[in-house]
């Protein structure tokens, strides 16, 4: 009887594990443009896993350009880190001028 219950539990666990697909994070730096378009096809633009590519031109160059692709979640993290750094610099400068 115990063996039958273990077998039922094992079968139920395996079925539930197979029923939920594991969705891994996209790696935009390793994806081609076609893969990015296919990935974004069924996602709204505001989805955190939607991949957005932005043109990047080095300072002082008129010719060189490249594209940097990241998920919306990664773009938000970079933006938040930059904003926090700017706030920290501002706070530090305010403390230096006040003292």
N, C-alpha and C. Protein backbone atom coordinates (compact mmCIF):
# COMPACT_ATOMS: atom_id res chain seq x y z
N UNK A 1 0.82 -1.20 0.00
CA UNK A 1 0.00 0.00 0.00
C UNK A 1 0.86 1.25 0.00
N UNK A 2 1.94 1.27 0.80
CA UNK A 2 2.82 2.44 0.86
C UNK A 2 3.52 2.64 -0.47
N UNK A 3 3.93 1.53 -1.12
CA UNK A 3 4.58 1.63 -2.42
C UNK A 3 3.65 2.25 -3.45
N UNK A 4 2.36 1.91 -3.39
CA UNK A 4 1.39 2.46 -4.33
C UNK A 4 1.21 3.96 -4.09
N UNK A 5 1.18 4.37 -2.83
CA UNK A 5 1.05 5.80 -2.53
C UNK A 5 2.28 6.57 -2.98
N UNK A 6 3.47 6.02 -2.78
CA UNK A 6 4.69 6.67 -3.24
C UNK A 6 4.71 6.81 -4.75
N UNK A 7 4.23 5.77 -5.45
CA UNK A 7 4.19 5.80 -6.90
C UNK A 7 3.22 6.88 -7.38
N UNK A 8 2.06 6.99 -6.73
CA UNK A 8 1.08 8.03 -7.10
C UNK A 8 1.66 9.41 -6.83
N UNK A 9 2.33 9.59 -5.68
CA UNK A 9 2.92 10.88 -5.35
C UNK A 9 4.01 11.25 -6.35
N UNK A 10 4.85 10.28 -6.73
CA UNK A 10 5.92 10.53 -7.69
C UNK A 10 5.35 10.90 -9.05
N UNK A 11 4.31 10.21 -9.47
CA UNK A 11 3.70 10.50 -10.77
C UNK A 11 3.04 11.88 -10.75
N UNK A 12 2.38 12.22 -9.65
CA UNK A 12 1.74 13.52 -9.52
C UNK A 12 2.78 14.64 -9.52
N UNK A 13 3.89 14.45 -8.82
CA UNK A 13 4.96 15.45 -8.78
C UNK A 13 5.57 15.65 -10.15
N UNK A 14 5.80 14.57 -10.86
CA UNK A 14 6.40 14.66 -12.20
C UNK A 14 5.45 15.37 -13.16
N UNK A 15 4.16 15.07 -13.07
CA UNK A 15 3.18 15.71 -13.96
C UNK A 15 3.08 17.20 -13.67
N UNK A 16 3.09 17.58 -12.40
CA UNK A 16 2.99 19.00 -12.08
C UNK A 16 4.26 19.74 -12.46
N UNK A 17 5.40 19.08 -12.37
CA UNK A 17 6.65 19.73 -12.77
C UNK A 17 6.69 19.94 -14.27
N UNK A 18 6.12 19.02 -15.02
CA UNK A 18 6.13 19.15 -16.47
C UNK A 18 5.08 20.16 -16.93
N UNK A 19 4.05 20.37 -16.14
CA UNK A 19 2.96 21.26 -16.55
C UNK A 19 3.37 22.72 -16.49
N UNK A 20 4.33 23.08 -15.64
CA UNK A 20 4.76 24.47 -15.50
C UNK A 20 6.06 24.66 -16.27
N UNK A 21 6.02 25.37 -17.39
CA UNK A 21 7.26 25.58 -18.14
C UNK A 21 8.19 26.53 -17.39
N UNK A 22 9.45 26.20 -17.40
CA UNK A 22 10.45 27.05 -16.76
C UNK A 22 10.87 28.09 -17.78
N UNK A 23 10.66 29.36 -17.44
CA UNK A 23 10.99 30.45 -18.36
C UNK A 23 12.24 31.13 -17.85
N UNK A 24 13.32 31.03 -18.62
CA UNK A 24 14.55 31.65 -18.18
C UNK A 24 14.66 33.06 -18.74
N UNK A 25 15.49 33.84 -18.09
CA UNK A 25 15.69 35.23 -18.49
C UNK A 25 16.35 35.28 -19.87
N UNK A 26 15.90 36.18 -20.74
CA UNK A 26 16.56 36.31 -22.04
C UNK A 26 17.94 36.94 -21.88
N UNK A 27 18.85 36.58 -22.76
CA UNK A 27 20.18 37.18 -22.77
C UNK A 27 20.33 37.96 -24.08
N UNK A 28 19.92 39.23 -24.09
CA UNK A 28 19.92 40.01 -25.32
C UNK A 28 21.28 40.10 -26.00
N UNK A 29 22.36 40.08 -25.22
CA UNK A 29 23.69 40.20 -25.82
C UNK A 29 24.04 38.98 -26.67
N UNK A 30 23.36 37.87 -26.46
CA UNK A 30 23.63 36.65 -27.23
C UNK A 30 22.57 36.37 -28.29
N UNK A 31 21.59 37.27 -28.41
CA UNK A 31 20.48 37.05 -29.34
C UNK A 31 20.70 37.84 -30.62
N UNK A 32 20.28 37.24 -31.74
CA UNK A 32 20.30 37.95 -33.01
C UNK A 32 19.06 38.85 -33.07
N UNK A 33 19.03 39.74 -34.06
CA UNK A 33 17.87 40.62 -34.21
C UNK A 33 16.60 39.81 -34.48
N UNK A 34 16.72 38.73 -35.24
CA UNK A 34 15.56 37.88 -35.53
C UNK A 34 15.06 37.21 -34.25
N UNK A 35 15.97 36.76 -33.40
CA UNK A 35 15.58 36.15 -32.13
C UNK A 35 14.92 37.17 -31.21
N UNK A 36 15.42 38.39 -31.23
CA UNK A 36 14.83 39.45 -30.41
C UNK A 36 13.42 39.76 -30.88
N UNK A 37 13.23 39.86 -32.20
CA UNK A 37 11.89 40.11 -32.75
C UNK A 37 10.93 38.97 -32.39
N UNK A 38 11.40 37.72 -32.48
CA UNK A 38 10.56 36.58 -32.14
C UNK A 38 10.24 36.58 -30.64
N UNK A 39 11.22 36.93 -29.84
CA UNK A 39 11.01 36.99 -28.38
C UNK A 39 9.98 38.07 -28.02
N UNK A 40 10.06 39.22 -28.66
CA UNK A 40 9.17 40.34 -28.36
C UNK A 40 7.80 40.24 -29.02
N UNK A 41 7.61 39.27 -29.92
CA UNK A 41 6.39 39.20 -30.72
C UNK A 41 5.11 39.17 -29.88
N UNK A 42 5.13 38.46 -28.76
CA UNK A 42 3.90 38.31 -27.98
C UNK A 42 3.98 39.03 -26.63
N UNK A 43 4.97 39.89 -26.46
CA UNK A 43 5.11 40.64 -25.22
C UNK A 43 4.71 42.10 -25.44
N UNK A 44 4.02 42.69 -24.48
CA UNK A 44 3.78 44.13 -24.60
C UNK A 44 5.09 44.89 -24.40
N UNK A 45 5.18 46.08 -24.94
CA UNK A 45 6.42 46.86 -24.83
C UNK A 45 6.78 47.18 -23.39
N UNK A 46 5.80 47.17 -22.49
CA UNK A 46 6.06 47.49 -21.10
C UNK A 46 6.45 46.28 -20.26
N UNK A 47 6.45 45.09 -20.84
CA UNK A 47 6.80 43.88 -20.10
C UNK A 47 8.26 43.95 -19.66
N UNK A 48 8.59 43.54 -18.43
CA UNK A 48 9.98 43.60 -17.96
C UNK A 48 10.94 42.75 -18.78
N UNK A 49 10.44 41.70 -19.46
CA UNK A 49 11.32 40.85 -20.26
C UNK A 49 11.37 41.25 -21.73
N UNK A 50 10.66 42.30 -22.11
CA UNK A 50 10.73 42.80 -23.47
C UNK A 50 12.14 43.34 -23.72
N UNK A 51 12.73 43.00 -24.86
CA UNK A 51 14.10 43.43 -25.18
C UNK A 51 14.03 44.69 -26.03
N UNK A 52 14.76 45.70 -25.60
CA UNK A 52 14.83 46.98 -26.33
C UNK A 52 16.28 47.23 -26.72
N UNK A 53 16.49 47.59 -27.97
CA UNK A 53 17.83 47.91 -28.46
C UNK A 53 17.92 49.41 -28.67
N UNK A 54 18.99 50.00 -28.18
CA UNK A 54 19.21 51.44 -28.33
C UNK A 54 20.52 51.68 -29.05
N UNK A 55 20.52 52.69 -29.90
CA UNK A 55 21.73 53.04 -30.64
C UNK A 55 22.67 53.80 -29.72
N UNK A 56 23.93 53.44 -29.78
CA UNK A 56 24.95 54.07 -28.96
C UNK A 56 26.05 54.59 -29.88
N UNK A 57 26.32 55.88 -29.80
CA UNK A 57 27.37 56.52 -30.61
C UNK A 57 28.43 57.05 -29.66
N UNK A 58 29.67 56.59 -29.79
CA UNK A 58 30.73 57.10 -28.90
C UNK A 58 30.91 58.61 -29.05
N UNK A 59 31.24 59.27 -27.97
CA UNK A 59 31.45 60.71 -27.99
C UNK A 59 32.58 61.06 -28.94
N UNK A 60 32.36 62.06 -29.81
CA UNK A 60 33.38 62.51 -30.74
C UNK A 60 33.42 61.74 -32.04
N UNK A 61 32.54 60.77 -32.22
CA UNK A 61 32.55 59.99 -33.45
C UNK A 61 31.29 60.28 -34.26
N UNK A 62 31.46 60.49 -35.53
CA UNK A 62 30.32 60.71 -36.40
C UNK A 62 29.94 59.45 -37.15
N UNK A 63 30.87 58.52 -37.23
CA UNK A 63 30.67 57.34 -38.06
C UNK A 63 30.34 56.11 -37.22
N UNK A 64 31.16 55.86 -36.19
CA UNK A 64 30.99 54.65 -35.40
C UNK A 64 29.68 54.67 -34.64
N UNK A 65 28.98 53.55 -34.67
CA UNK A 65 27.78 53.39 -33.88
C UNK A 65 27.58 51.91 -33.62
N UNK A 66 26.93 51.62 -32.55
CA UNK A 66 26.60 50.24 -32.24
C UNK A 66 25.27 50.22 -31.51
N UNK A 67 24.74 49.04 -31.32
CA UNK A 67 23.46 48.90 -30.65
C UNK A 67 23.66 48.11 -29.37
N UNK A 68 23.00 48.56 -28.32
CA UNK A 68 23.05 47.91 -27.03
C UNK A 68 21.65 47.41 -26.72
N UNK A 69 21.51 46.11 -26.57
CA UNK A 69 20.20 45.50 -26.32
C UNK A 69 20.14 44.98 -24.89
N UNK A 70 19.07 45.34 -24.20
CA UNK A 70 18.82 44.90 -22.83
C UNK A 70 17.32 44.72 -22.65
N UNK A 71 16.95 44.00 -21.60
CA UNK A 71 15.53 43.89 -21.27
C UNK A 71 15.10 45.18 -20.58
N UNK A 72 13.80 45.42 -20.54
CA UNK A 72 13.29 46.61 -19.85
C UNK A 72 13.72 46.61 -18.38
N UNK A 73 13.75 45.42 -17.79
CA UNK A 73 14.17 45.32 -16.39
C UNK A 73 15.63 45.77 -16.23
N UNK A 74 16.51 45.37 -17.18
CA UNK A 74 17.91 45.78 -17.12
C UNK A 74 18.06 47.28 -17.36
N UNK A 75 17.31 47.83 -18.32
CA UNK A 75 17.38 49.27 -18.59
C UNK A 75 16.94 50.04 -17.34
N UNK A 76 15.89 49.57 -16.66
CA UNK A 76 15.40 50.24 -15.45
C UNK A 76 16.47 50.19 -14.35
N UNK A 77 17.13 49.03 -14.19
CA UNK A 77 18.17 48.89 -13.16
C UNK A 77 19.33 49.85 -13.43
N UNK A 78 19.75 49.97 -14.69
CA UNK A 78 20.84 50.88 -15.05
C UNK A 78 20.43 52.33 -14.79
N UNK A 79 19.20 52.67 -15.15
CA UNK A 79 18.70 54.03 -14.94
C UNK A 79 18.62 54.35 -13.45
N UNK A 80 18.11 53.42 -12.66
CA UNK A 80 18.01 53.64 -11.22
C UNK A 80 19.39 53.79 -10.59
N UNK A 81 20.36 53.00 -11.02
CA UNK A 81 21.73 53.10 -10.49
C UNK A 81 22.35 54.45 -10.83
N UNK A 82 22.14 54.93 -12.06
CA UNK A 82 22.66 56.24 -12.46
C UNK A 82 22.01 57.36 -11.68
N UNK A 83 20.70 57.26 -11.47
CA UNK A 83 20.00 58.29 -10.69
C UNK A 83 20.48 58.30 -9.24
N UNK A 84 20.70 57.12 -8.67
CA UNK A 84 21.19 57.05 -7.29
C UNK A 84 22.59 57.64 -7.18
N UNK A 85 23.43 57.37 -8.17
CA UNK A 85 24.78 57.94 -8.16
C UNK A 85 24.73 59.46 -8.25
N UNK A 86 23.84 59.99 -9.09
CA UNK A 86 23.70 61.45 -9.21
C UNK A 86 23.21 62.05 -7.89
N UNK A 87 22.25 61.39 -7.23
CA UNK A 87 21.77 61.89 -5.94
C UNK A 87 22.88 61.88 -4.89
N UNK A 88 23.69 60.81 -4.90
CA UNK A 88 24.80 60.72 -3.94
C UNK A 88 25.81 61.83 -4.16
N UNK A 89 26.13 62.12 -5.42
CA UNK A 89 27.08 63.19 -5.73
C UNK A 89 26.51 64.53 -5.30
N UNK A 90 25.23 64.75 -5.56
CA UNK A 90 24.59 66.00 -5.17
C UNK A 90 24.61 66.17 -3.66
N UNK A 91 24.25 65.12 -2.93
CA UNK A 91 24.24 65.18 -1.47
C UNK A 91 25.64 65.45 -0.93
N UNK A 92 26.65 64.81 -1.51
CA UNK A 92 28.02 65.01 -1.07
C UNK A 92 28.46 66.45 -1.32
N UNK A 93 28.08 67.01 -2.46
CA UNK A 93 28.47 68.40 -2.76
C UNK A 93 27.74 69.38 -1.84
N UNK A 94 26.50 69.07 -1.46
CA UNK A 94 25.76 69.96 -0.56
C UNK A 94 26.39 69.96 0.84
N UNK A 95 26.89 68.82 1.28
CA UNK A 95 27.51 68.74 2.60
C UNK A 95 28.87 69.45 2.61
N UNK A 96 29.58 69.43 1.49
CA UNK A 96 30.87 70.09 1.42
C UNK A 96 30.74 71.60 1.41
N UNK A 97 29.71 72.12 0.73
CA UNK A 97 29.52 73.58 0.66
C UNK A 97 28.91 74.12 1.95
N UNK A 98 28.17 73.31 2.66
CA UNK A 98 27.53 73.77 3.89
C UNK A 98 28.53 73.83 5.04
N UNK A 99 29.57 73.01 5.01
CA UNK A 99 30.51 72.93 6.13
C UNK A 99 31.65 73.83 5.96
